């Protein structure tokens, strides 16, 4: 019986630790999401000089796949070289962003004093049909996290599902806590040795 009590109390302690870690991580994620998913869509808005974007097209496969989350460090034209993967706004009239590879850096383009870039998606057969002015450059891709973009897009587009989901998870863990506590209370105590 002592072994059963010890096992139950160990499992209860393990559950309490896992639950606490989960709640702290969940809280940290919610705070981070609040910072990252704020309504302002300015391309220069960043957290410590970094922005995130979700890959929506297969133009950069196999390097970047649809659903990947790319972390972009804000950069100016001087920091970008041929071969770098950059994120940019392809048109002043659009709020869309592209992430493609620089195939050519054109300093002092046509004598204008402006640095421009030719870009191409790795999966595309031809270069993009425009020359990118450095004023539309957002930054260089630092790294990417496979498929995390799907979750980010879900939170952005279906944010009203997130609050009930968080509440359901909290209730779930509270119910598990009650279940483990009830199991500890119902465990029969070892009988005292007979003194006769």
Protein backbone atom coordinates (compact mmCIF):
# COMPACT_ATOMS: atom_id res chain seq x y z
CA UNK A 1 0.00 0.00 0.00
CA UNK A 2 2.85 2.36 0.78
CA UNK A 3 4.14 1.86 -2.76
CA UNK A 4 0.70 2.72 -4.18
CA UNK A 5 0.49 5.88 -2.04
CA UNK A 6 4.01 6.86 -3.02
CA UNK A 7 3.25 6.29 -6.73
CA UNK A 8 0.02 8.30 -6.50
CA UNK A 9 1.69 11.18 -4.68
CA UNK A 10 4.58 11.16 -7.20
CA UNK A 11 2.12 11.26 -10.11
CA UNK A 12 0.24 14.09 -8.39
CA UNK A 13 3.46 16.05 -7.94
CA UNK A 14 4.50 15.43 -11.54
CA UNK A 15 1.07 16.56 -12.73
CA UNK A 16 1.30 19.73 -10.60
CA UNK A 17 4.72 20.59 -12.04
CA UNK A 18 3.59 19.92 -15.64
CA UNK A 19 0.42 21.94 -15.08
CA UNK A 20 2.34 24.89 -13.63
CA UNK A 21 4.88 24.86 -16.47
CA UNK A 22 2.06 24.65 -19.02
CA UNK A 23 0.17 27.58 -17.49
CA UNK A 24 3.31 29.75 -17.38
CA UNK A 25 4.20 28.86 -20.98
CA UNK A 26 0.63 29.50 -22.10
CA UNK A 27 0.61 32.87 -20.35
CA UNK A 28 3.95 33.80 -21.95
CA UNK A 29 2.63 32.76 -25.37
CA UNK A 30 -0.50 34.86 -24.92
CA UNK A 31 1.56 37.92 -23.95
CA UNK A 32 3.94 37.35 -26.88
CA UNK A 33 1.01 36.84 -29.24
CA UNK A 34 -0.53 40.08 -28.02
CA UNK A 35 2.70 41.86 -28.93
CA UNK A 36 3.09 40.17 -32.30
CA UNK A 37 -0.53 40.13 -33.42
CA UNK A 38 -1.35 43.73 -32.61
CA UNK A 39 -3.56 45.45 -35.17
CA UNK A 40 -0.88 47.79 -36.55
CA UNK A 41 0.32 46.32 -39.85
CA UNK A 42 3.19 48.75 -40.44
CA UNK A 43 6.11 46.94 -42.10
CA UNK A 44 8.51 48.82 -39.85
CA UNK A 45 6.81 47.68 -36.66
CA UNK A 46 9.08 45.16 -35.01
CA UNK A 47 10.04 43.45 -31.79
CA UNK A 48 13.76 44.04 -31.12
CA UNK A 49 14.28 44.73 -34.83
CA UNK A 50 12.54 41.55 -36.03
CA UNK A 51 9.22 40.91 -37.76
CA UNK A 52 7.45 37.71 -38.69
CA UNK A 53 5.64 36.72 -41.88
CA UNK A 54 3.79 33.59 -42.97
CA UNK A 55 4.75 31.99 -46.29
CA UNK A 56 1.58 31.81 -48.38
CA UNK A 57 2.91 30.56 -51.74
CA UNK A 58 5.33 27.80 -52.84
CA UNK A 59 7.58 30.20 -54.77
CA UNK A 60 10.56 29.65 -52.43
CA UNK A 61 10.42 25.87 -52.16
CA UNK A 62 12.32 23.87 -51.09
CA UNK A 63 13.98 26.54 -48.91
CA UNK A 64 10.66 27.86 -47.58
CA UNK A 65 7.36 26.00 -47.76
CA UNK A 66 3.76 27.17 -47.54
CA UNK A 67 2.86 27.62 -43.87
CA UNK A 68 6.40 28.32 -42.67
CA UNK A 69 6.94 31.28 -40.37
CA UNK A 70 9.85 33.49 -41.47
CA UNK A 71 11.59 35.76 -38.99
CA UNK A 72 12.88 38.85 -40.77
CA UNK A 73 15.49 41.25 -39.38
CA UNK A 74 14.88 44.81 -40.52
CA UNK A 75 17.67 45.85 -42.86
CA UNK A 76 18.66 48.59 -45.25
CA UNK A 77 20.00 48.19 -48.79
CA UNK A 78 23.66 48.33 -47.69
CA UNK A 79 23.21 45.18 -45.59
CA UNK A 80 21.76 43.08 -48.42
CA UNK A 81 23.90 41.08 -50.84
CA UNK A 82 23.21 38.79 -53.79
CA UNK A 83 21.94 35.43 -52.59
CA UNK A 84 20.22 36.84 -49.49
CA UNK A 85 16.55 36.03 -48.96
CA UNK A 86 14.65 39.25 -48.35
CA UNK A 87 11.09 40.28 -47.58
CA UNK A 88 9.70 43.29 -49.41
CA UNK A 89 6.57 45.06 -50.54
CA UNK A 90 6.38 44.52 -54.32
CA UNK A 91 4.06 47.47 -54.94
CA UNK A 92 3.32 50.75 -53.21
CA UNK A 93 -0.39 50.13 -53.87
CA UNK A 94 -0.44 46.75 -52.11
CA UNK A 95 -0.27 45.53 -48.53
CA UNK A 96 1.11 42.17 -49.70
CA UNK A 97 4.67 41.09 -49.00
CA UNK A 98 6.98 38.74 -50.87
CA UNK A 99 9.96 36.78 -49.64
CA UNK A 100 12.35 36.01 -52.51
CA UNK A 101 16.07 35.66 -53.11
CA UNK A 102 18.21 38.55 -54.38
CA UNK A 103 19.70 37.64 -57.78
CA UNK A 104 21.30 41.01 -58.49
CA UNK A 105 22.10 44.13 -56.49
CA UNK A 106 22.01 47.26 -58.65
CA UNK A 107 23.74 50.16 -56.92
CA UNK A 108 23.08 53.63 -58.35
CA UNK A 109 20.41 52.16 -60.62
CA UNK A 110 20.32 54.04 -63.95
CA UNK A 111 22.21 56.93 -62.38
CA UNK A 112 19.46 57.68 -59.83
CA UNK A 113 21.65 57.10 -56.77
CA UNK A 114 19.14 54.50 -55.56
CA UNK A 115 20.07 50.89 -54.83
CA UNK A 116 17.68 48.41 -56.44
CA UNK A 117 17.41 44.63 -56.52
CA UNK A 118 16.35 41.91 -58.92
CA UNK A 119 14.67 39.04 -57.12
CA UNK A 120 13.42 35.55 -57.86
CA UNK A 121 11.59 32.80 -56.03
CA UNK A 122 13.74 29.65 -55.88
CA UNK A 123 10.88 27.59 -57.37
CA UNK A 124 10.14 30.11 -60.13
CA UNK A 125 11.68 29.71 -63.57
CA UNK A 126 12.14 33.44 -64.18
CA UNK A 127 13.05 36.51 -62.14
CA UNK A 128 10.32 38.76 -60.81
CA UNK A 129 9.04 41.13 -63.50
CA UNK A 130 10.05 44.29 -61.66
CA UNK A 131 13.11 45.96 -60.19
CA UNK A 132 12.78 46.41 -56.46
CA UNK A 133 13.47 49.90 -55.12
CA UNK A 134 15.29 49.81 -51.76
CA UNK A 135 12.51 51.90 -50.18
CA UNK A 136 10.25 48.82 -50.36
CA UNK A 137 12.75 46.53 -48.66
CA UNK A 138 11.64 45.25 -45.25
CA UNK A 139 14.62 43.12 -44.27
CA UNK A 140 16.59 39.90 -44.52
CA UNK A 141 15.25 36.49 -43.47
CA UNK A 142 17.17 35.38 -40.38
CA UNK A 143 15.54 31.98 -39.93
CA UNK A 144 12.25 30.17 -40.41
CA UNK A 145 10.10 27.82 -38.33
CA UNK A 146 8.39 25.11 -40.40
CA UNK A 147 4.58 25.17 -40.42
CA UNK A 148 4.20 27.54 -37.45
CA UNK A 149 2.72 30.09 -39.84
CA UNK A 150 -0.47 28.04 -40.04
CA UNK A 151 -1.03 28.56 -36.32
CA UNK A 152 -0.21 32.26 -36.59
CA UNK A 153 -2.67 32.70 -39.47
CA UNK A 154 -5.34 30.84 -37.52
CA UNK A 155 -4.87 33.13 -34.50
CA UNK A 156 -4.86 36.23 -36.71
CA UNK A 157 -7.98 35.28 -38.67
CA UNK A 158 -9.87 33.42 -35.92
CA UNK A 159 -8.73 35.25 -32.80
CA UNK A 160 -12.19 34.88 -31.24
CA UNK A 161 -11.57 31.09 -30.93
CA UNK A 162 -8.42 31.57 -28.87
CA UNK A 163 -10.01 32.89 -25.66
CA UNK A 164 -12.53 30.01 -25.32
CA UNK A 165 -9.75 27.54 -26.12
CA UNK A 166 -7.54 28.96 -23.36
CA UNK A 167 -10.47 28.84 -20.92
CA UNK A 168 -11.23 25.22 -21.88
CA UNK A 169 -7.60 24.24 -21.29
CA UNK A 170 -7.62 25.89 -17.85
CA UNK A 171 -10.86 24.07 -16.94
CA UNK A 172 -9.38 20.79 -18.24
CA UNK A 173 -6.33 21.14 -15.99
CA UNK A 174 -8.47 22.09 -13.00
CA UNK A 175 -10.60 18.96 -13.54
CA UNK A 176 -7.45 16.82 -13.75
CA UNK A 177 -6.24 18.39 -10.51
CA UNK A 178 -9.54 17.52 -8.80
CA UNK A 179 -9.37 13.97 -10.19
CA UNK A 180 -5.84 13.37 -8.87
CA UNK A 181 -6.70 14.94 -5.52
CA UNK A 182 -9.80 12.71 -5.19
CA UNK A 183 -7.64 9.68 -6.02
CA UNK A 184 -5.23 10.58 -3.22
CA UNK A 185 -8.11 10.95 -0.70
CA UNK A 186 -9.80 7.66 -1.65
CA UNK A 187 -6.64 5.58 -1.35
CA UNK A 188 -7.12 3.33 1.72
CA UNK A 189 -4.69 3.94 4.56
CA UNK A 190 -2.53 1.01 5.70
CA UNK A 191 -3.92 -0.80 8.72
CA UNK A 192 -2.08 -0.53 11.99
CA UNK A 193 -0.45 -3.82 13.09
CA UNK A 194 -2.55 -5.90 15.48
CA UNK A 195 -1.15 -5.70 19.00
CA UNK A 196 -2.89 -8.85 20.34
